[in-house]
C-alpha atoms as a PDB file:
ATOM      1  CA  MET A   1     -23.961  13.582  -5.443  1.00  0.00           C
ATOM      2  CA  THR A   2     -23.614  10.382  -8.015  1.00  0.00           C
ATOM      3  CA  SER A   3     -25.538   7.463  -8.178  1.00  0.00           C
ATOM      4  CA  THR A   4     -22.940   4.888  -8.442  1.00  0.00           C
ATOM      5  CA  THR A   5     -23.249   3.018  -5.028  1.00  0.00           C
ATOM      6  CA  LEU A   6     -19.889   2.140  -3.975  1.00  0.00           C
ATOM      7  CA  THR A   7     -18.748  -0.307  -0.973  1.00  0.00           C
ATOM      8  CA  PHE A   8     -15.388  -0.219   0.771  1.00  0.00           C
ATOM      9  CA  LEU A   9     -13.832  -3.142   2.433  1.00  0.00           C
ATOM     10  CA  GLY A  10     -10.940  -2.659   4.688  1.00  0.00           C
ATOM     11  CA  ILE A  11     -10.707   0.411   7.295  1.00  0.00           C
ATOM     12  CA  GLY A  12      -7.262   0.249   8.062  1.00  0.00           C
ATOM     13  CA  LEU A  13      -4.302   2.906   7.770  1.00  0.00           C
ATOM     14  CA  MET A  14      -4.794   3.089   4.397  1.00  0.00           C
ATOM     15  CA  GLY A  15      -8.667   2.420   3.866  1.00  0.00           C
ATOM     16  CA  LYS A  16      -9.495   4.984   6.270  1.00  0.00           C
ATOM     17  CA  PRO A  17      -8.419   8.039   4.445  1.00  0.00           C
ATOM     18  CA  MET A  18      -9.278   6.718   1.048  1.00  0.00           C
ATOM     19  CA  ALA A  19     -13.388   5.838   2.402  1.00  0.00           C
ATOM     20  CA  THR A  20     -13.667   9.086   3.935  1.00  0.00           C
ATOM     21  CA  ARG A  21     -12.426  11.143   0.377  1.00  0.00           C
ATOM     22  CA  LEU A  22     -14.709   8.706  -1.463  1.00  0.00           C
ATOM     23  CA  ALA A  23     -17.873   9.591   0.994  1.00  0.00           C
ATOM     24  CA  ARG A  24     -16.559  13.239   1.158  1.00  0.00           C
ATOM     25  CA  ALA A  25     -16.904  13.356  -2.941  1.00  0.00           C
ATOM     26  CA  GLY A  26     -21.136  12.642  -2.384  1.00  0.00           C
ATOM     27  CA  TYR A  27     -20.454   9.270  -3.554  1.00  0.00           C
ATOM     28  CA  PRO A  28     -23.441   7.041  -1.992  1.00  0.00           C
ATOM     29  CA  LEU A  29     -20.633   4.741  -0.140  1.00  0.00           C
ATOM     30  CA  ARG A  30     -21.155   2.169   2.200  1.00  0.00           C
ATOM     31  CA  VAL A  31     -18.182   0.722   4.579  1.00  0.00           C
ATOM     32  CA  TRP A  32     -17.203  -2.741   6.483  1.00  0.00           C
ATOM     33  CA  ASN A  33     -14.327  -3.809   8.279  1.00  0.00           C
ATOM     34  CA  ARG A  34     -13.941  -6.866  10.425  1.00  0.00           C
ATOM     35  CA  SER A  35     -13.876  -4.734  13.171  1.00  0.00           C
ATOM     36  CA  PRO A  36     -17.196  -2.535  13.324  1.00  0.00           C
ATOM     37  CA  ALA A  37     -15.664   0.176  15.120  1.00  0.00           C
ATOM     38  CA  LYS A  38     -13.314   0.972  12.282  1.00  0.00           C
ATOM     39  CA  ALA A  39     -16.304   1.186  10.033  1.00  0.00           C
ATOM     40  CA  ALA A  40     -18.592   3.021  12.249  1.00  0.00           C
ATOM     41  CA  ALA A  41     -15.787   5.837  13.237  1.00  0.00           C
ATOM     42  CA  LEU A  42     -16.804   6.529   9.376  1.00  0.00           C
ATOM     43  CA  ARG A  43     -20.479   7.340   9.964  1.00  0.00           C
ATOM     44  CA  ASP A  44     -19.508  11.390  10.272  1.00  0.00           C
ATOM     45  CA  ALA A  45     -17.884  11.743   7.241  1.00  0.00           C
ATOM     46  CA  GLY A  46     -21.585  10.478   5.157  1.00  0.00           C
ATOM     47  CA  ALA A  47     -20.690   6.660   4.533  1.00  0.00           C
ATOM     48  CA  GLN A  48     -23.154   4.011   5.908  1.00  0.00           C
ATOM     49  CA  PRO A  49     -21.296   1.388   8.212  1.00  0.00           C
ATOM     50  CA  CYS A  50     -22.259  -2.077   7.222  1.00  0.00           C
ATOM     51  CA  ALA A  51     -21.947  -4.747  10.431  1.00  0.00           C
ATOM     52  CA  SER A  52     -22.149  -7.568   7.827  1.00  0.00           C
ATOM     53  CA  LEU A  53     -20.231  -8.646   4.749  1.00  0.00           C
ATOM     54  CA  SER A  54     -23.514  -9.355   2.698  1.00  0.00           C
ATOM     55  CA  GLU A  55     -25.307  -6.225   3.618  1.00  0.00           C
ATOM     56  CA  ALA A  56     -22.364  -4.382   2.718  1.00  0.00           C
ATOM     57  CA  VAL A  57     -21.919  -5.634  -1.191  1.00  0.00           C
ATOM     58  CA  GLN A  58     -25.497  -6.085  -2.375  1.00  0.00           C
ATOM     59  CA  ASP A  59     -26.160  -4.192  -5.127  1.00  0.00           C
ATOM     60  CA  ALA A  60     -23.312  -2.333  -5.102  1.00  0.00           C
ATOM     61  CA  ASP A  61     -22.358  -1.069  -8.122  1.00  0.00           C
ATOM     62  CA  ILE A  62     -18.614  -1.025  -7.403  1.00  0.00           C
ATOM     63  CA  VAL A  63     -16.855  -2.798  -4.403  1.00  0.00           C
ATOM     64  CA  ILE A  64     -13.473  -1.743  -3.307  1.00  0.00           C
ATOM     65  CA  SER A  65     -11.073  -3.598  -1.462  1.00  0.00           C
ATOM     66  CA  MET A  66      -8.188  -2.281   0.601  1.00  0.00           C
ATOM     67  CA  LEU A  67      -7.003  -5.480   2.849  1.00  0.00           C
ATOM     68  CA  GLU A  68      -3.803  -6.816   4.216  1.00  0.00           C
ATOM     69  CA  ALA A  69      -2.860  -9.255   1.787  1.00  0.00           C
ATOM     70  CA  GLY A  70      -3.760 -11.590  -0.727  1.00  0.00           C
ATOM     71  CA  PRO A  71      -5.114 -14.532   1.521  1.00  0.00           C
ATOM     72  CA  VAL A  72      -7.095 -11.861   3.541  1.00  0.00           C
ATOM     73  CA  VAL A  73      -8.647 -10.417  -0.513  1.00  0.00           C
ATOM     74  CA  SER A  74      -9.263 -14.150  -1.018  1.00  0.00           C
ATOM     75  CA  HIS A  75     -11.111 -14.964   2.056  1.00  0.00           C
ATOM     76  CA  VAL A  76     -13.361 -11.983   2.115  1.00  0.00           C
ATOM     77  CA  LEU A  77     -14.304 -12.487  -1.591  1.00  0.00           C
ATOM     78  CA  ASP A  78     -15.207 -15.668  -1.279  1.00  0.00           C
ATOM     79  CA  ALA A  79     -17.762 -14.814   1.483  1.00  0.00           C
ATOM     80  CA  ALA A  80     -19.014 -12.156  -0.437  1.00  0.00           C
ATOM     81  CA  LEU A  81     -19.135 -13.690  -4.477  1.00  0.00           C
ATOM     82  CA  ALA A  82     -23.072 -15.115  -3.570  1.00  0.00           C
ATOM     83  CA  HIS A  83     -24.183 -11.490  -3.009  1.00  0.00           C
ATOM     84  CA  LEU A  84     -22.943  -9.520  -5.801  1.00  0.00           C
ATOM     85  CA  ALA A  85     -25.081  -8.583  -8.584  1.00  0.00           C
ATOM     86  CA  PRO A  86     -23.899  -9.691 -11.993  1.00  0.00           C
ATOM     87  CA  GLY A  87     -21.750  -7.040 -13.839  1.00  0.00           C
ATOM     88  CA  THR A  88     -20.396  -5.575 -10.253  1.00  0.00           C
ATOM     89  CA  LEU A  89     -16.884  -4.517 -10.781  1.00  0.00           C
ATOM     90  CA  TRP A  90     -14.699  -5.112  -8.095  1.00  0.00           C
ATOM     91  CA  ILE A  91     -11.700  -2.918  -7.777  1.00  0.00           C
ATOM     92  CA  ASP A  92      -8.967  -4.366  -5.193  1.00  0.00           C
ATOM     93  CA  MET A  93      -6.513  -2.103  -4.388  1.00  0.00           C
ATOM     94  CA  SER A  94      -4.454  -4.204  -1.507  1.00  0.00           C
ATOM     95  CA  SER A  95      -0.942  -5.146  -2.627  1.00  0.00           C
ATOM     96  CA  THR A  96      -1.249  -9.001  -3.541  1.00  0.00           C
ATOM     97  CA  ARG A  97       0.533 -11.377  -6.011  1.00  0.00           C
ATOM     98  CA  GLN A  98       0.092 -11.064  -9.500  1.00  0.00           C
ATOM     99  CA  ASP A  99      -1.361 -15.196  -9.652  1.00  0.00           C
ATOM    100  CA  GLU A 100      -3.681 -14.248  -6.502  1.00  0.00           C
ATOM    101  CA  ALA A 101      -5.071 -10.854  -8.713  1.00  0.00           C
ATOM    102  CA  LEU A 102      -5.454 -13.406 -11.902  1.00  0.00           C
ATOM    103  CA  ALA A 103      -7.414 -15.886  -9.836  1.00  0.00           C
ATOM    104  CA  PHE A 104      -9.739 -12.990  -8.130  1.00  0.00           C
ATOM    105  CA  ALA A 105     -10.729 -12.133 -11.237  1.00  0.00           C
ATOM    106  CA  ALA A 106     -11.546 -15.726 -12.919  1.00  0.00           C
ATOM    107  CA  ARG A 107     -13.284 -16.284  -9.723  1.00  0.00           C
ATOM    108  CA  LEU A 108     -15.590 -12.817 -10.374  1.00  0.00           C
ATOM    109  CA  ALA A 109     -15.785 -13.930 -14.217  1.00  0.00           C
ATOM    110  CA  ALA A 110     -17.353 -17.196 -13.266  1.00  0.00           C
ATOM    111  CA  ARG A 111     -19.819 -15.671 -11.118  1.00  0.00           C
ATOM    112  CA  GLY A 112     -20.799 -12.604 -14.024  1.00  0.00           C
ATOM    113  CA  CYS A 113     -18.761  -9.927 -12.550  1.00  0.00           C
ATOM    114  CA  ARG A 114     -15.801  -7.493 -13.360  1.00  0.00           C
ATOM    115  CA  PHE A 115     -12.165  -7.406 -11.879  1.00  0.00           C
ATOM    116  CA  VAL A 116     -10.022  -4.594 -11.662  1.00  0.00           C
ATOM    117  CA  ASP A 117      -6.155  -4.359  -9.515  1.00  0.00           C
ATOM    118  CA  ALA A 118      -5.494  -1.269  -8.580  1.00  0.00           C
ATOM    119  CA  PRO A 119      -2.824  -1.273  -5.676  1.00  0.00           C
ATOM    120  CA  VAL A 120      -1.452   2.394  -4.831  1.00  0.00           C
ATOM    121  CA  SER A 121       1.806   3.758  -3.797  1.00  0.00           C
ATOM    122  CA  GLY A 122       2.250   7.213  -1.515  1.00  0.00           C
ATOM    123  CA  GLY A 123       1.500   6.297   1.998  1.00  0.00           C
ATOM    124  CA  VAL A 124      -0.899   7.631   4.570  1.00  0.00           C
ATOM    125  CA  GLN A 125      -0.135  11.109   3.629  1.00  0.00           C
ATOM    126  CA  GLY A 126      -1.012  10.595   0.061  1.00  0.00           C
ATOM    127  CA  ALA A 127      -4.300   8.526   0.627  1.00  0.00           C
ATOM    128  CA  GLU A 128      -5.083  11.978   2.749  1.00  0.00           C
ATOM    129  CA  GLN A 129      -4.592  13.863   0.410  1.00  0.00           C
ATOM    130  CA  GLY A 130      -5.811  12.059  -2.937  1.00  0.00           C
ATOM    131  CA  THR A 131      -2.410  12.130  -4.484  1.00  0.00           C
ATOM    132  CA  LEU A 132      -1.504   8.350  -4.621  1.00  0.00           C
ATOM    133  CA  ALA A 133       0.119   6.675  -7.716  1.00  0.00           C
ATOM    134  CA  ILE A 134      -2.678   4.183  -8.605  1.00  0.00           C
ATOM    135  CA  MET A 135      -1.576   1.354 -11.396  1.00  0.00           C
ATOM    136  CA  ALA A 136      -4.606  -0.486 -12.742  1.00  0.00           C
ATOM    137  CA  GLY A 137      -4.762  -3.722 -14.492  1.00  0.00           C
ATOM    138  CA  GLY A 138      -7.673  -4.799 -16.161  1.00  0.00           C
ATOM    139  CA  GLY A 139      -9.953  -4.830 -19.284  1.00  0.00           C
ATOM    140  CA  ALA A 140      -9.895  -1.199 -20.854  1.00  0.00           C
ATOM    141  CA  ASP A 141     -13.782  -0.622 -20.201  1.00  0.00           C
ATOM    142  CA  ASP A 142     -13.435  -2.034 -16.581  1.00  0.00           C
ATOM    143  CA  VAL A 143     -10.747   0.696 -15.623  1.00  0.00           C
ATOM    144  CA  THR A 144     -12.435   3.225 -17.702  1.00  0.00           C
ATOM    145  CA  GLN A 145     -15.792   2.914 -15.480  1.00  0.00           C
ATOM    146  CA  ALA A 146     -13.476   2.969 -12.446  1.00  0.00           C
ATOM    147  CA  GLU A 147     -11.317   6.053 -13.295  1.00  0.00           C
ATOM    148  CA  PRO A 148     -13.722   8.857 -11.999  1.00  0.00           C
ATOM    149  CA  VAL A 149     -13.584   6.939  -8.576  1.00  0.00           C
ATOM    150  CA  LEU A 150      -9.868   6.286  -8.516  1.00  0.00           C
ATOM    151  CA  GLN A 151      -9.480  10.170  -9.461  1.00  0.00           C
ATOM    152  CA  VAL A 152     -10.633  11.084  -5.846  1.00  0.00           C
ATOM    153  CA  LEU A 153      -8.105   8.991  -5.100  1.00  0.00           C
ATOM    154  CA  GLY A 154      -5.144  10.128  -7.334  1.00  0.00           C
ATOM    155  CA  HIS A 155      -3.755   9.444 -10.546  1.00  0.00           C
ATOM    156  CA  PRO A 156      -4.487   6.525 -12.168  1.00  0.00           C
ATOM    157  CA  ARG A 157      -3.168   4.904 -14.260  1.00  0.00           C
ATOM    158  CA  HIS A 158      -3.924   1.552 -16.736  1.00  0.00           C
ATOM    159  CA  VAL A 159      -1.190  -0.574 -17.138  1.00  0.00           C
ATOM    160  CA  GLY A 160      -2.088  -3.839 -18.610  1.00  0.00           C
ATOM    161  CA  PRO A 161      -4.591  -6.673 -18.334  1.00  0.00           C
ATOM    162  CA  ALA A 162      -5.252  -7.926 -15.103  1.00  0.00           C
ATOM    163  CA  GLY A 163      -2.572  -8.589 -12.662  1.00  0.00           C
ATOM    164  CA  SER A 164      -0.733  -5.602 -14.395  1.00  0.00           C
ATOM    165  CA  GLY A 165      -1.063  -3.564 -11.848  1.00  0.00           C
ATOM    166  CA  GLN A 166       0.274  -5.956  -8.945  1.00  0.00           C
ATOM    167  CA  VAL A 167       3.351  -6.182 -11.552  1.00  0.00           C
ATOM    168  CA  ALA A 168       3.987  -2.309 -11.174  1.00  0.00           C
ATOM    169  CA  LYS A 169       3.152  -2.126  -7.949  1.00  0.00           C
ATOM    170  CA  MET A 170       6.086  -4.791  -7.052  1.00  0.00           C
ATOM    171  CA  CYS A 171       8.468  -3.027  -9.426  1.00  0.00           C
ATOM    172  CA  ASN A 172       7.306   0.181  -7.149  1.00  0.00           C
ATOM    173  CA  GLN A 173       7.761  -1.461  -3.695  1.00  0.00           C
ATOM    174  CA  LEU A 174      11.404  -3.065  -4.953  1.00  0.00           C
ATOM    175  CA  ILE A 175      12.302   0.364  -5.769  1.00  0.00           C
ATOM    176  CA  VAL A 176      10.962   2.217  -2.784  1.00  0.00           C
ATOM    177  CA  GLY A 177      12.637  -1.051  -0.394  1.00  0.00           C
ATOM    178  CA  ALA A 178      16.453  -0.352  -1.842  1.00  0.00           C
ATOM    179  CA  THR A 179      16.052   3.238  -1.686  1.00  0.00           C
ATOM    180  CA  ILE A 180      15.092   3.059   1.605  1.00  0.00           C
ATOM    181  CA  HIS A 181      17.846   1.012   2.636  1.00  0.00           C
ATOM    182  CA  ILE A 182      20.813   3.149   0.624  1.00  0.00           C
ATOM    183  CA  VAL A 183      19.322   6.009   2.180  1.00  0.00           C
ATOM    184  CA  ALA A 184      19.839   4.901   5.297  1.00  0.00           C
ATOM    185  CA  GLU A 185      23.550   4.022   4.592  1.00  0.00           C
ATOM    186  CA  ALA A 186      24.042   7.567   2.982  1.00  0.00           C
ATOM    187  CA  LEU A 187      22.910   9.027   6.281  1.00  0.00           C
ATOM    188  CA  LEU A 188      24.874   6.795   8.569  1.00  0.00           C
ATOM    189  CA  LEU A 189      27.945   7.160   6.204  1.00  0.00           C
ATOM    190  CA  ALA A 190      27.747  10.778   6.338  1.00  0.00           C
ATOM    191  CA  GLU A 191      27.409  11.024  10.528  1.00  0.00           C
ATOM    192  CA  ALA A 192      30.042   8.388  11.058  1.00  0.00           C
ATOM    193  CA  ALA A 193      32.908  10.573   8.935  1.00  0.00           C
ATOM    194  CA  GLY A 194      31.930  13.665  10.544  1.00  0.00           C
ATOM    195  CA  ALA A 195      29.223  15.735   8.268  1.00  0.00           C
ATOM    196  CA  ASP A 196      26.427  17.078   9.335  1.00  0.00           C
ATOM    197  CA  ALA A 197      24.246  14.102   7.985  1.00  0.00           C
ATOM    198  CA  GLY A 198      21.188  16.603   7.494  1.00  0.00           C
ATOM    199  CA  ALA A 199      23.075  18.982   5.561  1.00  0.00           C
ATOM    200  CA  VAL A 200      24.603  16.653   3.176  1.00  0.00           C
ATOM    201  CA  ARG A 201      20.836  15.191   2.572  1.00  0.00           C
ATOM    202  CA  GLU A 202      19.777  18.912   2.027  1.00  0.00           C
ATOM    203  CA  ALA A 203      22.767  19.006   0.045  1.00  0.00           C
ATOM    204  CA  ILE A 204      22.150  16.239  -2.538  1.00  0.00           C
ATOM    205  CA  ARG A 205      18.195  16.167  -2.930  1.00  0.00           C
ATOM    206  CA  GLY A 206      18.964  18.420  -5.771  1.00  0.00           C
ATOM    207  CA  GLY A 207      21.147  16.376  -7.672  1.00  0.00           C
ATOM    208  CA  PHE A 208      20.779  12.697  -9.324  1.00  0.00           C
ATOM    209  CA  ALA A 209      20.115  11.124  -6.129  1.00  0.00           C
ATOM    210  CA  GLY A 210      16.981  13.433  -5.267  1.00  0.00           C
ATOM    211  CA  SER A 211      13.857  11.046  -4.992  1.00  0.00           C
ATOM    212  CA  ARG A 212      10.633  11.091  -2.808  1.00  0.00           C
ATOM    213  CA  VAL A 213      12.096   8.387  -0.298  1.00  0.00           C
ATOM    214  CA  LEU A 214      15.158  10.808   0.540  1.00  0.00           C
ATOM    215  CA  GLU A 215      12.742  13.768   1.113  1.00  0.00           C
ATOM    216  CA  VAL A 216      10.047  11.500   2.839  1.00  0.00           C
ATOM    217  CA  HIS A 217      12.451   8.840   4.554  1.00  0.00           C
ATOM    218  CA  GLY A 218      15.199  10.411   5.206  1.00  0.00           C
ATOM    219  CA  GLN A 219      13.675  13.550   7.087  1.00  0.00           C
ATOM    220  CA  ARG A 220      12.079  10.039   9.006  1.00  0.00           C
ATOM    221  CA  MET A 221      15.175   8.699   9.730  1.00  0.00           C
ATOM    222  CA  LEU A 222      17.167  12.201  11.108  1.00  0.00           C
ATOM    223  CA  GLU A 223      13.970  12.483  13.054  1.00  0.00           C
ATOM    224  CA  ARG A 224      14.112   9.180  14.726  1.00  0.00           C
ATOM    225  CA  ASN A 225      10.354   9.135  13.203  1.00  0.00           C
ATOM    226  CA  PHE A 226       9.227   4.940  13.047  1.00  0.00           C
ATOM    227  CA  VAL A 227       5.731   5.944  13.596  1.00  0.00           C
ATOM    228  CA  PRO A 228       4.636   4.198  10.187  1.00  0.00           C
ATOM    229  CA  GLY A 229       2.960   5.314   7.288  1.00  0.00           C
ATOM    230  CA  GLY A 230       4.252   2.143   5.848  1.00  0.00           C
ATOM    231  CA  LYS A 231       4.903  -0.946   7.884  1.00  0.00           C
ATOM    232  CA  VAL A 232       7.809  -2.891   8.263  1.00  0.00           C
ATOM    233  CA  SER A 233       5.660  -6.171   7.865  1.00  0.00           C
ATOM    234  CA  THR A 234       4.075  -4.570   4.714  1.00  0.00           C
ATOM    235  CA  GLN A 235       7.086  -4.212   2.620  1.00  0.00           C
ATOM    236  CA  ILE A 236       8.233  -7.467   3.552  1.00  0.00           C
ATOM    237  CA  LYS A 237       5.231  -8.840   2.458  1.00  0.00           C
ATOM    238  CA  ASP A 238       5.931  -7.291  -0.964  1.00  0.00           C
ATOM    239  CA  GLN A 239       9.452  -7.896  -0.570  1.00  0.00           C
ATOM    240  CA  ARG A 240       8.491 -12.006  -0.482  1.00  0.00           C
ATOM    241  CA  ASN A 241       5.687 -11.124  -3.649  1.00  0.00           C
ATOM    242  CA  VAL A 242       8.679  -9.688  -5.688  1.00  0.00           C
ATOM    243  CA  LEU A 243      10.789 -12.515  -5.203  1.00  0.00           C
ATOM    244  CA  ALA A 244       7.739 -14.951  -5.771  1.00  0.00           C
ATOM    245  CA  ALA A 245       7.148 -13.101  -9.130  1.00  0.00           C
ATOM    246  CA  ALA A 246      10.485 -13.099 -10.302  1.00  0.00           C
ATOM    247  CA  ALA A 247      10.752 -16.964  -9.554  1.00  0.00           C
ATOM    248  CA  ALA A 248       7.999 -17.282 -11.759  1.00  0.00           C
ATOM    249  CA  ALA A 249       9.408 -15.222 -14.439  1.00  0.00           C
ATOM    250  CA  GLY A 250      12.857 -16.735 -14.451  1.00  0.00           C
ATOM    251  CA  VAL A 251      14.721 -13.985 -13.354  1.00  0.00           C
ATOM    252  CA  ARG A 252      17.205 -13.137 -10.809  1.00  0.00           C
ATOM    253  CA  LEU A 253      17.315 -10.551  -8.320  1.00  0.00           C
ATOM    254  CA  PRO A 254      19.990 -10.154  -6.221  1.00  0.00           C
ATOM    255  CA  LEU A 255      19.938  -6.900  -4.843  1.00  0.00           C
ATOM    256  CA  THR A 256      16.098  -7.738  -3.821  1.00  0.00           C
ATOM    257  CA  ASP A 257      16.845 -10.971  -2.291  1.00  0.00           C
ATOM    258  CA  LEU A 258      19.839  -8.798   0.144  1.00  0.00           C
ATOM    259  CA  VAL A 259      17.019  -5.782   0.628  1.00  0.00           C
ATOM    260  CA  THR A 260      14.378  -9.159   2.191  1.00  0.00           C
ATOM    261  CA  ARG A 261      16.965 -10.236   4.465  1.00  0.00           C
ATOM    262  CA  GLN A 262      18.303  -7.182   5.394  1.00  0.00           C
ATOM    263  CA  TYR A 263      14.207  -6.395   6.586  1.00  0.00           C
ATOM    264  CA  GLU A 264      13.736  -9.390   7.832  1.00  0.00           C
ATOM    265  CA  THR A 265      16.445  -8.764  10.580  1.00  0.00           C
ATOM    266  CA  ILE A 266      13.583  -6.553  12.357  1.00  0.00           C
ATOM    267  CA  GLU A 267      10.501  -8.495  11.361  1.00  0.00           C
ATOM    268  CA  THR A 268       9.912  -9.833  14.452  1.00  0.00           C
ATOM    269  CA  GLU A 269      10.847  -7.131  16.737  1.00  0.00           C
ATOM    270  CA  LEU A 270       9.825  -4.504  14.744  1.00  0.00           C
ATOM    271  CA  ALA A 271       7.284  -5.621  12.104  1.00  0.00           C
ATOM    272  CA  GLY A 272       5.037  -2.246  12.965  1.00  0.00           C
ATOM    273  CA  ALA A 273       7.215   0.236  12.536  1.00  0.00           C
ATOM    274  CA  ASP A 274       7.399   2.495   9.367  1.00  0.00           C
ATOM    275  CA  HIS A 275       9.640   0.743   6.672  1.00  0.00           C
ATOM    276  CA  ALA A 276      12.233   3.891   7.596  1.00  0.00           C
ATOM    277  CA  ALA A 277      13.225   1.647  10.217  1.00  0.00           C
ATOM    278  CA  ALA A 278      15.496  -0.178   8.115  1.00  0.00           C
ATOM    279  CA  LEU A 279      17.902   2.231   9.358  1.00  0.00           C
ATOM    280  CA  ILE A 280      17.743   0.598  12.738  1.00  0.00           C
ATOM    281  CA  ALA A 281      18.212  -2.562  10.984  1.00  0.00           C
ATOM    282  CA  LEU A 282      21.597  -0.992   9.465  1.00  0.00           C
ATOM    283  CA  GLU A 283      22.873   0.464  13.031  1.00  0.00           C
ATOM    284  CA  ARG A 284      22.744  -2.749  14.463  1.00  0.00           C
ATOM    285  CA  MET A 285      25.585  -4.131  11.798  1.00  0.00           C
ATOM    286  CA  ASN A 286      27.501  -1.248  12.641  1.00  0.00           C
ATOM    287  CA  PRO A 287      27.776  -1.209  16.551  1.00  0.00           C
ATOM    288  CA  GLY A 288      28.624   1.840  18.283  1.00  0.00           C
ATOM    289  CA  ARG A 289      27.203   3.835  14.796  1.00  0.00           C
ATOM    290  CA  ARG A 290      24.066   5.904  15.246  1.00  0.00           C
ATOM    291  CA  LEU A 291      22.012   8.461  13.141  1.00  0.00           C
ATOM    292  CA  GLY A 292      21.415  11.467  15.875  1.00  0.00           C
ATOM    293  CA  THR A 293      20.855  11.481  19.354  1.00  0.00           C
ATOM    294  CA  GLY A 294      16.830  11.738  19.902  1.00  0.00           C
ATOM    295  CA  VAL A 295      15.003   9.291  20.985  1.00  0.00           C
ATOM    296  CA  ASP A 296      13.107   6.399  18.694  1.00  0.00           C
ATOM    297  CA  GLN A 297       9.587   7.266  17.996  1.00  0.00           C
ATOM    298  CA  LEU A 298       7.980   3.918  17.698  1.00  0.00           C
ATOM    299  CA  PRO A 299       4.352   2.870  17.514  1.00  0.00           C
ATOM    300  CA  GLU A 300       2.211   1.433  20.618  1.00  0.00           C
ATOM    301  CA  ALA A 301       2.521  -2.079  21.550  1.00  0.00           C
END
């Protein structure tokens, strides 16, 4: 048991396993969610569900937010500010824009509080296993204080001042989003050209084409398993954040722009599906071509 009091805000697809790991690691942990039943479900793991946001953050040493997007973080932060003790460290593990992270840091500093942006990569499986890649931006002392907590969740790396974590996450998502589409193209080509797509995947996994995306999402595509780890809607949000950052930096990213537009073709119908549903977007561009014969496994409506 540690005396550091933690508050975890956002018990969603990623937040639930992350908060569960912290509770089981012995931290006094308060949890809050806009849908109270999701927070209440963590009582058995040792967490203290809080009915109100003010109750959750009052006198916490560290507040962790894992929320849908920057505007949601902003709303929750505004509502919590008046109830934070001076010196509170707020770790935002959501995926937001860099300018949003810098704004959060400034608003907290004005209240005498501190901020680290620490978005993650690794999906639900990584959250469950405590193997998330964690990209932390903030002051060195603040990141050092955050590290013992973050190490329960995965592998933190300090990547620069506040806002830098979000830059690293955007770079991660840029690569992930594009690679998912390339894996879909490779597998569909293999099958269309008469090869065994599964065997092709196995053959190239040990070469330069090998990657975590080929391993995890390639298997998902072969199984036509689109029940989400990471959602299409989340990937599109990240793609747009990347393009906004590129525009602000005066950099053109033509492949990222193309990948974003490809994801947007399934945004309405398959927003809740896993981002491996990029395969479906590709198949729709190639009428009559389909990977495998299995039934699509999709999230419940």
